[in-house]
Protein backbone atom coordinates (compact mmCIF):
# COMPACT_ATOMS: atom_id res chain seq x y z
CA UNK A 1 -10.06 -25.64 -12.27
CA UNK A 2 -7.07 -26.25 -10.24
CA UNK A 3 -4.71 -23.27 -10.94
CA UNK A 4 -5.04 -19.87 -10.28
CA UNK A 5 -7.33 -18.05 -12.60
CA UNK A 6 -5.69 -15.34 -14.71
CA UNK A 7 -7.86 -12.11 -15.35
CA UNK A 8 -7.42 -8.85 -17.28
CA UNK A 9 -7.73 -5.59 -15.83
CA UNK A 10 -7.87 -3.57 -19.09
CA UNK A 11 -5.36 -5.28 -21.23
CA UNK A 12 -3.18 -6.38 -18.15
CA UNK A 13 -3.29 -9.58 -17.60
CA UNK A 14 -2.47 -11.23 -14.10
CA UNK A 15 -3.18 -13.98 -11.30
CA UNK A 16 -2.80 -11.52 -8.66
CA UNK A 17 -1.98 -8.21 -7.36
CA UNK A 18 0.94 -7.77 -4.78
CA UNK A 19 0.01 -4.31 -2.76
CA UNK A 20 2.24 -1.75 -1.63
CA UNK A 21 4.15 -2.53 1.82
CA UNK A 22 5.24 0.81 3.13
CA UNK A 23 7.98 3.07 2.09
CA UNK A 24 10.66 1.41 0.01
CA UNK A 25 9.32 -2.17 0.52
CA UNK A 26 7.94 -3.05 -3.08
CA UNK A 27 10.50 -0.83 -5.02
CA UNK A 28 11.86 -2.16 -9.00
CA UNK A 29 13.91 -5.07 -7.76
CA UNK A 30 10.75 -6.45 -5.99
CA UNK A 31 8.74 -5.84 -8.85
CA UNK A 32 10.94 -7.22 -11.33
CA UNK A 33 11.59 -10.40 -9.75
CA UNK A 34 8.08 -10.97 -9.75
CA UNK A 35 7.39 -10.35 -13.23
CA UNK A 36 10.51 -12.18 -14.37
CA UNK A 37 9.07 -15.11 -12.09
CA UNK A 38 5.45 -15.17 -13.52
CA UNK A 39 7.35 -15.77 -17.13
CA UNK A 40 8.07 -19.50 -16.15
CA UNK A 41 6.47 -22.08 -16.46
CA UNK A 42 3.93 -23.17 -13.72
CA UNK A 43 4.81 -19.82 -11.77
CA UNK A 44 1.52 -17.52 -11.00
CA UNK A 45 1.88 -14.21 -13.04
CA UNK A 46 1.72 -11.71 -9.82
CA UNK A 47 1.38 -7.73 -10.70
CA UNK A 48 3.73 -5.76 -7.74
CA UNK A 49 2.85 -2.31 -6.96
CA UNK A 50 4.91 0.75 -6.44
CA UNK A 51 4.69 2.59 -3.62
CA UNK A 52 4.55 6.31 -4.58
CA UNK A 53 5.71 7.75 -1.01
CA UNK A 54 8.72 8.81 0.68
CA UNK A 55 11.47 7.86 -1.84
CA UNK A 56 12.60 10.97 -1.86
CA UNK A 57 13.63 10.89 1.74
CA UNK A 58 14.76 7.56 1.70
CA UNK A 59 17.24 7.50 -1.01
CA UNK A 60 18.03 10.98 0.52
CA UNK A 61 17.51 13.24 -2.38
CA UNK A 62 15.30 15.20 0.10
CA UNK A 63 18.41 15.28 2.17
CA UNK A 64 20.74 16.69 -0.17
CA UNK A 65 18.16 19.29 -1.60
CA UNK A 66 17.97 20.93 1.80
CA UNK A 67 21.97 20.67 2.82
CA UNK A 68 22.38 22.84 -0.44
CA UNK A 69 19.31 25.26 0.56
CA UNK A 70 21.28 26.91 3.45
CA UNK A 71 23.36 26.22 6.74
CA UNK A 72 20.47 27.67 8.92
CA UNK A 73 17.57 25.88 7.12
CA UNK A 74 19.53 22.41 7.33
CA UNK A 75 20.33 23.33 11.15
CA UNK A 76 16.23 23.66 11.78
CA UNK A 77 15.77 20.69 9.77
CA UNK A 78 17.97 18.46 11.81
CA UNK A 79 16.82 20.09 15.25
CA UNK A 80 12.90 18.87 13.80
CA UNK A 81 14.18 15.71 12.46
CA UNK A 82 15.96 14.44 15.20
CA UNK A 83 13.14 15.00 17.44
CA UNK A 84 14.96 17.72 19.71
CA UNK A 85 12.56 20.43 19.17
CA UNK A 86 12.56 23.66 17.49
CA UNK A 87 11.03 27.11 17.95
CA UNK A 88 7.64 27.63 16.05
CA UNK A 89 8.46 30.49 14.72
CA UNK A 90 11.82 29.13 13.28
CA UNK A 91 10.23 26.56 11.13
CA UNK A 92 6.84 27.84 10.15
CA UNK A 93 6.04 30.13 7.14
CA UNK A 94 8.79 30.15 4.55
CA UNK A 95 10.56 27.01 6.23
CA UNK A 96 7.35 25.07 5.61
CA UNK A 97 7.21 25.99 1.99
CA UNK A 98 10.61 25.21 1.47
CA UNK A 99 10.27 21.68 2.83
CA UNK A 100 7.17 21.41 1.01
CA UNK A 101 8.71 22.51 -2.34
CA UNK A 102 11.91 20.02 -1.80
CA UNK A 103 10.11 16.82 -0.78
CA UNK A 104 7.92 17.36 -3.89
CA UNK A 105 11.02 17.39 -6.08
CA UNK A 106 12.57 14.47 -3.96
CA UNK A 107 9.62 12.32 -4.49
CA UNK A 108 9.40 13.18 -7.99
CA UNK A 109 12.77 12.26 -8.80
CA UNK A 110 12.76 8.78 -6.88
CA UNK A 111 9.14 8.02 -8.72
CA UNK A 112 11.02 8.58 -12.10
CA UNK A 113 13.97 6.21 -11.41
CA UNK A 114 11.73 3.58 -9.69
CA UNK A 115 8.95 3.67 -12.95
CA UNK A 116 11.75 3.65 -15.42
CA UNK A 117 13.46 0.73 -13.62
CA UNK A 118 10.45 -1.72 -13.81
CA UNK A 119 10.55 -4.14 -16.56
CA UNK A 120 7.03 -5.23 -17.50
CA UNK A 121 3.44 -3.18 -16.61
CA UNK A 122 3.95 -0.88 -14.20
CA UNK A 123 1.32 -0.50 -11.00
CA UNK A 124 1.26 2.19 -8.62
CA UNK A 125 -0.14 2.84 -5.46
CA UNK A 126 -0.96 6.53 -4.76
CA UNK A 127 -2.27 7.69 -1.34
CA UNK A 128 -4.70 10.46 -1.58
CA UNK A 129 -3.46 11.55 1.84
CA UNK A 130 0.24 12.60 0.52
CA UNK A 131 0.41 16.31 0.17
CA UNK A 132 2.04 15.90 -3.07
CA UNK A 133 -0.37 13.49 -4.34
CA UNK A 134 -0.99 15.52 -7.74
CA UNK A 135 2.68 15.60 -8.74
CA UNK A 136 3.04 12.26 -8.00
CA UNK A 137 -0.04 11.20 -10.16
CA UNK A 138 1.51 13.25 -13.22
CA UNK A 139 4.63 11.92 -12.94
CA UNK A 140 3.36 8.59 -13.03
CA UNK A 141 1.60 9.48 -16.65
CA UNK A 142 4.96 11.33 -17.98
CA UNK A 143 6.57 7.85 -16.82
CA UNK A 144 4.78 5.36 -18.95
CA UNK A 145 2.47 3.92 -15.76
CA UNK A 146 -0.24 1.25 -16.63
CA UNK A 147 -2.34 1.29 -13.58
CA UNK A 148 -2.69 3.54 -10.59
CA UNK A 149 -4.90 2.07 -7.59
CA UNK A 150 -5.80 5.14 -5.49
CA UNK A 151 -6.83 4.99 -1.17
CA UNK A 152 -6.14 6.43 1.89
CA UNK A 153 -8.70 9.03 1.82
CA UNK A 154 -11.20 9.76 -1.08
CA UNK A 155 -9.35 10.64 -4.34
CA UNK A 156 -12.29 12.17 -6.36
CA UNK A 157 -10.54 14.33 -8.51
CA UNK A 158 -8.19 11.48 -9.92
CA UNK A 159 -9.57 11.68 -13.68
CA UNK A 160 -9.45 15.58 -13.40
CA UNK A 161 -5.76 15.18 -12.98
CA UNK A 162 -5.27 12.39 -15.65
CA UNK A 163 -7.17 13.01 -18.85
CA UNK A 164 -10.08 10.51 -20.28
CA UNK A 165 -8.41 9.83 -23.22
CA UNK A 166 -5.43 8.55 -21.34
CA UNK A 167 -4.38 4.83 -21.46
CA UNK A 168 -3.73 4.49 -17.77
CA UNK A 169 -6.13 2.43 -15.84
CA UNK A 170 -7.52 3.83 -12.91
CA UNK A 171 -8.39 1.32 -9.56
CA UNK A 172 -9.78 2.38 -6.47
CA UNK A 173 -9.46 0.82 -2.89
CA UNK A 174 -12.53 0.98 -0.63
CA UNK A 175 -14.30 0.01 2.53
CA UNK A 176 -17.68 -0.95 1.19
CA UNK A 177 -20.36 -0.25 -0.88
CA UNK A 178 -20.98 3.43 -0.50
CA UNK A 179 -17.67 4.58 -1.31
CA UNK A 180 -17.45 2.09 -4.31
CA UNK A 181 -20.67 3.92 -5.41
CA UNK A 182 -18.99 7.01 -4.46
CA UNK A 183 -16.05 6.98 -6.76
CA UNK A 184 -18.41 5.71 -9.43
CA UNK A 185 -20.18 8.74 -9.48
CA UNK A 186 -17.57 11.35 -8.97
CA UNK A 187 -15.01 9.62 -11.17
CA UNK A 188 -18.11 9.50 -13.92
CA UNK A 189 -18.16 13.39 -14.06
CA UNK A 190 -14.90 13.69 -15.90
CA UNK A 191 -15.70 11.36 -18.23
CA UNK A 192 -14.06 8.24 -16.67
CA UNK A 193 -14.80 4.85 -14.36
CA UNK A 194 -12.87 3.15 -12.05
CA UNK A 195 -11.23 0.15 -14.34
CA UNK A 196 -10.54 -2.00 -11.02
CA UNK A 197 -12.52 -1.78 -7.74
CA UNK A 198 -10.87 -3.25 -4.43
CA UNK A 199 -12.47 -4.22 -2.04
CA UNK A 200 -10.19 -4.24 1.19
CA UNK A 201 -11.17 -5.65 4.60
CA UNK A 202 -10.21 -5.27 8.07
CA UNK A 203 -7.53 -7.99 7.99
CA UNK A 204 -5.33 -5.99 5.75
CA UNK A 205 -1.79 -4.42 7.10
CA UNK A 206 -1.24 -0.77 7.04
CA UNK A 207 -3.30 1.85 7.23
CA UNK A 208 -7.31 0.56 7.14
CA UNK A 209 -10.12 2.53 6.67
CA UNK A 210 -12.08 1.25 9.33
CA UNK A 211 -13.05 2.69 13.15
CA UNK A 212 -11.22 1.43 15.84
CA UNK A 213 -14.15 -0.19 17.29
CA UNK A 214 -14.79 -2.13 14.39
CA UNK A 215 -10.78 -3.45 14.31
CA UNK A 216 -11.71 -4.21 17.70
CA UNK A 217 -14.67 -6.37 16.89
CA UNK A 218 -13.65 -10.41 16.43
CA UNK A 219 -16.74 -10.72 14.29
CA UNK A 220 -16.21 -8.27 11.83
CA UNK A 221 -12.76 -8.85 11.30
CA UNK A 222 -13.22 -12.38 10.25
CA UNK A 223 -16.66 -11.41 8.07
CA UNK A 224 -15.80 -8.22 7.05
CA UNK A 225 -14.77 -8.81 3.62
CA UNK A 226 -17.04 -10.94 2.81
CA UNK A 227 -19.67 -8.21 3.92
CA UNK A 228 -18.01 -5.66 2.10
CA UNK A 229 -17.80 -7.45 -1.00
CA UNK A 230 -21.52 -8.62 -1.43
CA UNK A 231 -22.17 -4.39 -0.99
CA UNK A 232 -19.80 -3.26 -3.68
CA UNK A 233 -21.57 -5.63 -5.97
CA UNK A 234 -24.92 -4.25 -5.01
CA UNK A 235 -23.42 -0.61 -5.29
CA UNK A 236 -21.66 -1.14 -8.52
CA UNK A 237 -23.84 -3.12 -10.86
CA UNK A 238 -25.51 -0.23 -12.70
CA UNK A 239 -22.03 1.14 -13.53
CA UNK A 240 -19.18 -0.08 -16.08
CA UNK A 241 -15.83 0.73 -17.25
CA UNK A 242 -15.25 3.49 -20.10
CA UNK A 243 -14.84 0.43 -22.37
CA UNK A 244 -18.32 -0.59 -21.68
CA UNK A 245 -17.69 -3.61 -19.31
CA UNK A 246 -18.63 -4.57 -16.09
CA UNK A 247 -16.20 -3.05 -13.22
CA UNK A 248 -13.98 -6.24 -11.78
CA UNK A 249 -13.83 -6.55 -8.59
CA UNK A 250 -10.87 -7.49 -6.34
CA UNK A 251 -10.29 -8.54 -2.82
CA UNK A 252 -7.43 -7.55 -0.40
CA UNK A 253 -6.75 -7.99 3.31
CA UNK A 254 -7.84 -11.90 4.05
CA UNK A 255 -5.19 -14.27 2.37
CA UNK A 256 -2.60 -15.74 3.43
CA UNK A 257 -2.43 -19.46 2.05
CA UNK A 258 -3.73 -20.36 -1.71
CA UNK A 259 -6.24 -22.27 0.05
CA UNK A 260 -7.77 -18.68 1.11
CA UNK A 261 -7.40 -17.65 -1.96
CA UNK A 262 -9.85 -20.65 -3.42
CA UNK A 263 -12.22 -19.93 -0.64
CA UNK A 264 -12.54 -16.23 -1.12
CA UNK A 265 -13.07 -16.28 -4.85
CA UNK A 266 -15.63 -18.74 -4.43
CA UNK A 267 -17.71 -16.23 -3.23
CA UNK A 268 -20.60 -15.13 -5.43
CA UNK A 269 -23.27 -12.40 -5.13
CA UNK A 270 -26.01 -11.94 -7.91
CA UNK A 271 -23.79 -14.35 -10.29
CA UNK A 272 -20.80 -12.32 -9.68
CA UNK A 273 -17.81 -13.61 -8.17
CA UNK A 274 -14.42 -11.20 -7.05
CA UNK A 275 -12.18 -11.12 -10.36
CA UNK A 276 -9.18 -11.64 -7.85
CA UNK A 277 -6.92 -11.05 -5.21
CA UNK A 278 -4.76 -8.25 -4.23
CA UNK A 279 -2.36 -9.85 -1.48
CA UNK A 280 0.37 -8.22 0.84
CA UNK A 281 1.66 -9.89 4.13
CA UNK A 282 2.92 -13.72 2.62
CA UNK A 283 5.05 -11.48 0.00
CA UNK A 284 6.67 -9.40 3.00
CA UNK A 285 9.27 -11.95 3.14
CA UNK A 286 10.27 -11.76 -0.56
CA UNK A 287 9.68 -7.92 -0.86
CA UNK A 288 12.34 -5.29 -0.05
CA UNK A 289 11.58 -4.93 3.19
CA UNK A 290 14.56 -5.03 5.76
CA UNK A 291 15.77 -8.41 7.01
CA UNK A 292 14.65 -7.06 10.55
CA UNK A 293 11.12 -6.40 9.20
CA UNK A 294 11.11 -9.90 7.74
CA UNK A 295 12.22 -11.74 11.21
CA UNK A 296 9.84 -9.88 12.86
CA UNK A 297 6.98 -11.15 11.01
CA UNK A 298 8.27 -14.58 12.07
CA UNK A 299 8.81 -13.84 15.59
CA UNK A 300 5.01 -11.84 15.87
CA UNK A 301 2.34 -13.74 17.20
CA UNK A 302 -0.45 -11.62 15.93
CA UNK A 303 -0.68 -7.93 14.79
CA UNK A 304 -1.63 -4.40 16.77
CA UNK A 305 -3.77 -1.71 16.05
CA UNK A 306 -2.33 1.86 15.68
CA UNK A 307 -3.44 5.41 15.77
CA UNK A 308 -1.52 6.79 12.65
CA UNK A 309 -0.74 10.24 12.30
CA UNK A 310 -2.31 9.50 8.56
CA UNK A 311 -5.56 9.75 10.10
CA UNK A 312 -6.69 6.11 9.91
CA UNK A 313 -5.67 3.14 12.40
CA UNK A 314 -2.61 1.12 11.00
CA UNK A 315 -2.20 -2.80 11.40
CA UNK A 316 1.64 -3.38 12.73
CA UNK A 317 3.62 -5.84 14.48
CA UNK A 318 3.47 -4.74 17.97
CA UNK A 319 7.41 -3.87 19.28
CA UNK A 320 8.84 -1.22 21.63
CA UNK A 321 8.43 1.79 19.40
CA UNK A 322 4.55 1.57 19.13
CA UNK A 323 4.71 0.77 23.21
CA UNK A 324 5.98 3.75 23.67
CA UNK A 325 3.73 5.35 21.69
CA UNK A 326 0.53 4.05 23.24
CA UNK A 327 1.79 4.66 26.60
CA UNK A 328 2.39 8.30 26.00
CA UNK A 329 6.19 8.07 26.17
CA UNK A 330 6.67 9.72 22.74
CA UNK A 331 5.14 13.70 22.31
CA UNK A 332 4.42 16.01 19.17
CA UNK A 333 7.60 17.27 17.31
CA UNK A 334 7.95 19.79 14.62
CA UNK A 335 7.04 18.35 11.01
CA UNK A 336 10.36 17.69 9.24
CA UNK A 337 9.00 16.86 5.91
CA UNK A 338 5.09 17.48 5.32
CA UNK A 339 4.71 14.77 3.18
CA UNK A 340 0.66 14.44 4.18
CA UNK A 341 -1.94 16.86 3.84
CA UNK A 342 -3.76 14.91 6.91
CA UNK A 343 -0.89 14.90 10.04
CA UNK A 344 -1.13 17.59 12.50
CA UNK A 345 2.42 18.02 13.64
CA UNK A 346 1.33 19.39 16.95
CA UNK A 347 -0.88 16.40 17.88
CA UNK A 348 1.03 13.84 16.24
CA UNK A 349 2.59 11.67 18.75
CA UNK A 350 5.29 10.97 16.17
CA UNK A 351 6.55 10.92 12.40
CA UNK A 352 5.34 7.89 10.43
CA UNK A 353 7.53 8.81 7.59
CA UNK A 354 10.84 8.56 9.77
CA UNK A 355 9.43 5.51 11.87
CA UNK A 356 8.40 3.86 8.25
CA UNK A 357 12.07 4.46 6.76
CA UNK A 358 13.59 3.51 10.17
CA UNK A 359 12.13 0.18 9.51
CA UNK A 360 12.95 -0.05 6.10
CA UNK A 361 16.42 0.48 7.11
CA UNK A 362 16.45 -2.02 9.76
CA UNK A 363 15.90 0.33 12.90
CA UNK A 364 12.84 -1.99 13.87
CA UNK A 365 12.88 -0.61 17.28
CA UNK A 366 12.43 2.94 16.21
CA UNK A 367 9.93 2.19 13.63
CA UNK A 368 6.64 1.00 12.65
CA UNK A 369 6.56 -2.50 11.04
CA UNK A 370 2.77 -2.71 9.05
CA UNK A 371 1.48 -5.98 8.62
CA UNK A 372 -1.57 -7.68 8.28
CA UNK A 373 -4.20 -9.78 10.68
CA UNK A 374 -2.54 -13.04 8.98
CA UNK A 375 1.28 -12.37 10.12
CA UNK A 376 0.44 -14.72 12.83
CA UNK A 377 1.02 -17.69 10.29
CA UNK A 378 4.39 -16.06 8.73
CA UNK A 379 6.45 -18.88 10.10
CA UNK A 380 10.17 -20.02 9.25
CA UNK A 381 8.43 -22.90 7.01
CA UNK A 382 6.94 -19.82 4.97
CA UNK A 383 9.17 -17.47 5.38
CA UNK A 384 12.59 -19.22 4.93
CA UNK A 385 14.16 -21.34 2.63
CA UNK A 386 17.86 -23.05 2.81
CA UNK A 387 18.77 -20.51 5.78
CA UNK A 388 17.11 -17.25 3.65
CA UNK A 389 14.25 -15.45 3.07
CA UNK A 390 11.99 -17.08 0.49
CA UNK A 391 11.84 -15.46 -2.94
CA UNK A 392 8.91 -14.31 -5.20
CA UNK A 393 9.36 -17.67 -7.74
CA UNK A 394 8.74 -19.58 -4.43
CA UNK A 395 6.04 -17.52 -2.89
CA UNK A 396 4.23 -17.83 -6.24
CA UNK A 397 5.34 -21.53 -6.70
CA UNK A 398 3.95 -22.16 -2.62
CA UNK A 399 0.65 -20.34 -3.60
CA UNK A 400 -0.01 -22.63 -6.59
CA UNK A 401 0.65 -25.54 -5.03
CA UNK A 402 -1.82 -24.66 -2.03
CA UNK A 403 -4.22 -23.25 -4.76
CA UNK A 404 -4.14 -27.24 -6.17
CA UNK A 405 -4.43 -28.88 -2.97
CA UNK A 406 -7.54 -26.89 -2.08
CA UNK A 407 -9.16 -26.97 -5.08
CA UNK A 408 -8.49 -30.94 -5.35
CA UNK A 409 -10.18 -31.13 -1.69
CA UNK A 410 -13.59 -29.05 -2.92
């Protein structure tokens, strides 16, 4: 076959998934552009994944709600958010409880808006590390989400939040066979099972569920994705979806060109091949990311591995912000949002929410710029067209062409 193969997750048909890429980067505008492009003749159908985290801060809903809650609380929040510090007793206790409550309300409002604005299938990436995980999952179901993909922690109780008779498809992002089997066993207790398992390798951008030592090992980085694919096949052999089908396996982290797609989709273990791929870095040029973030990808020679307050290493572009953190120039500050259950404000060298929102707003010198291992392949040739950044249809067509070339030469 010389065309990117179509596949199904439940009743959703596609030729690939575009993964969430940080706060605000994969919003309704980008997702709708993928959907519209995929309806055209000869353009692959990629399903875009909405990022659930941080929308309430990005759109100003959290700020507005806090300002309305009282002048003193607004003053304390600004002290914390602007890294000026604040006495612990001023923001702990009732202040922390209020911030959590307002953050949850703001994020839910943003998520509802985004899901209502999406045309076509609705897919959501939901980080287990978020402190409002349960509320976001319920909101997504209320708004007719079709697929929830979960990661950034062991989200073993997700089916407990979403009833087994729901039509919502559930996917788990894993870093190997043990984690994949854990999801199968744990979700089975709630009468569910993964509708798709996404094996994410060490070349993926954003948060990586690997150790710093693993990510510093060139051999592991190069061969890790294939290794975990084979592990997942063996670990999930005895399990099936609630529809009685074999659990489909997608792979993420490692594909940039259509030729990469062809190579990875040819892997086989006991007669089983990857059903499809999830990709992100190649799509950053067409996403809702800031132009400054996109240009930084073009300018980058390679990625850096950072320590994130989420509790996992992160794959990002080296910049002045990361250098300051690495050299210890930045210091822990009070928590302005309480968005993560895994973050310890007393020890975190920076606020990941603020850093990602800075990047989304174009302030890349004070932000974290997530990107995968293959950011080194980003160039004016594949990120720009006629003096502008490439769009969804152009990236889709480029990948299809590259795939056909690779298929013709194999």
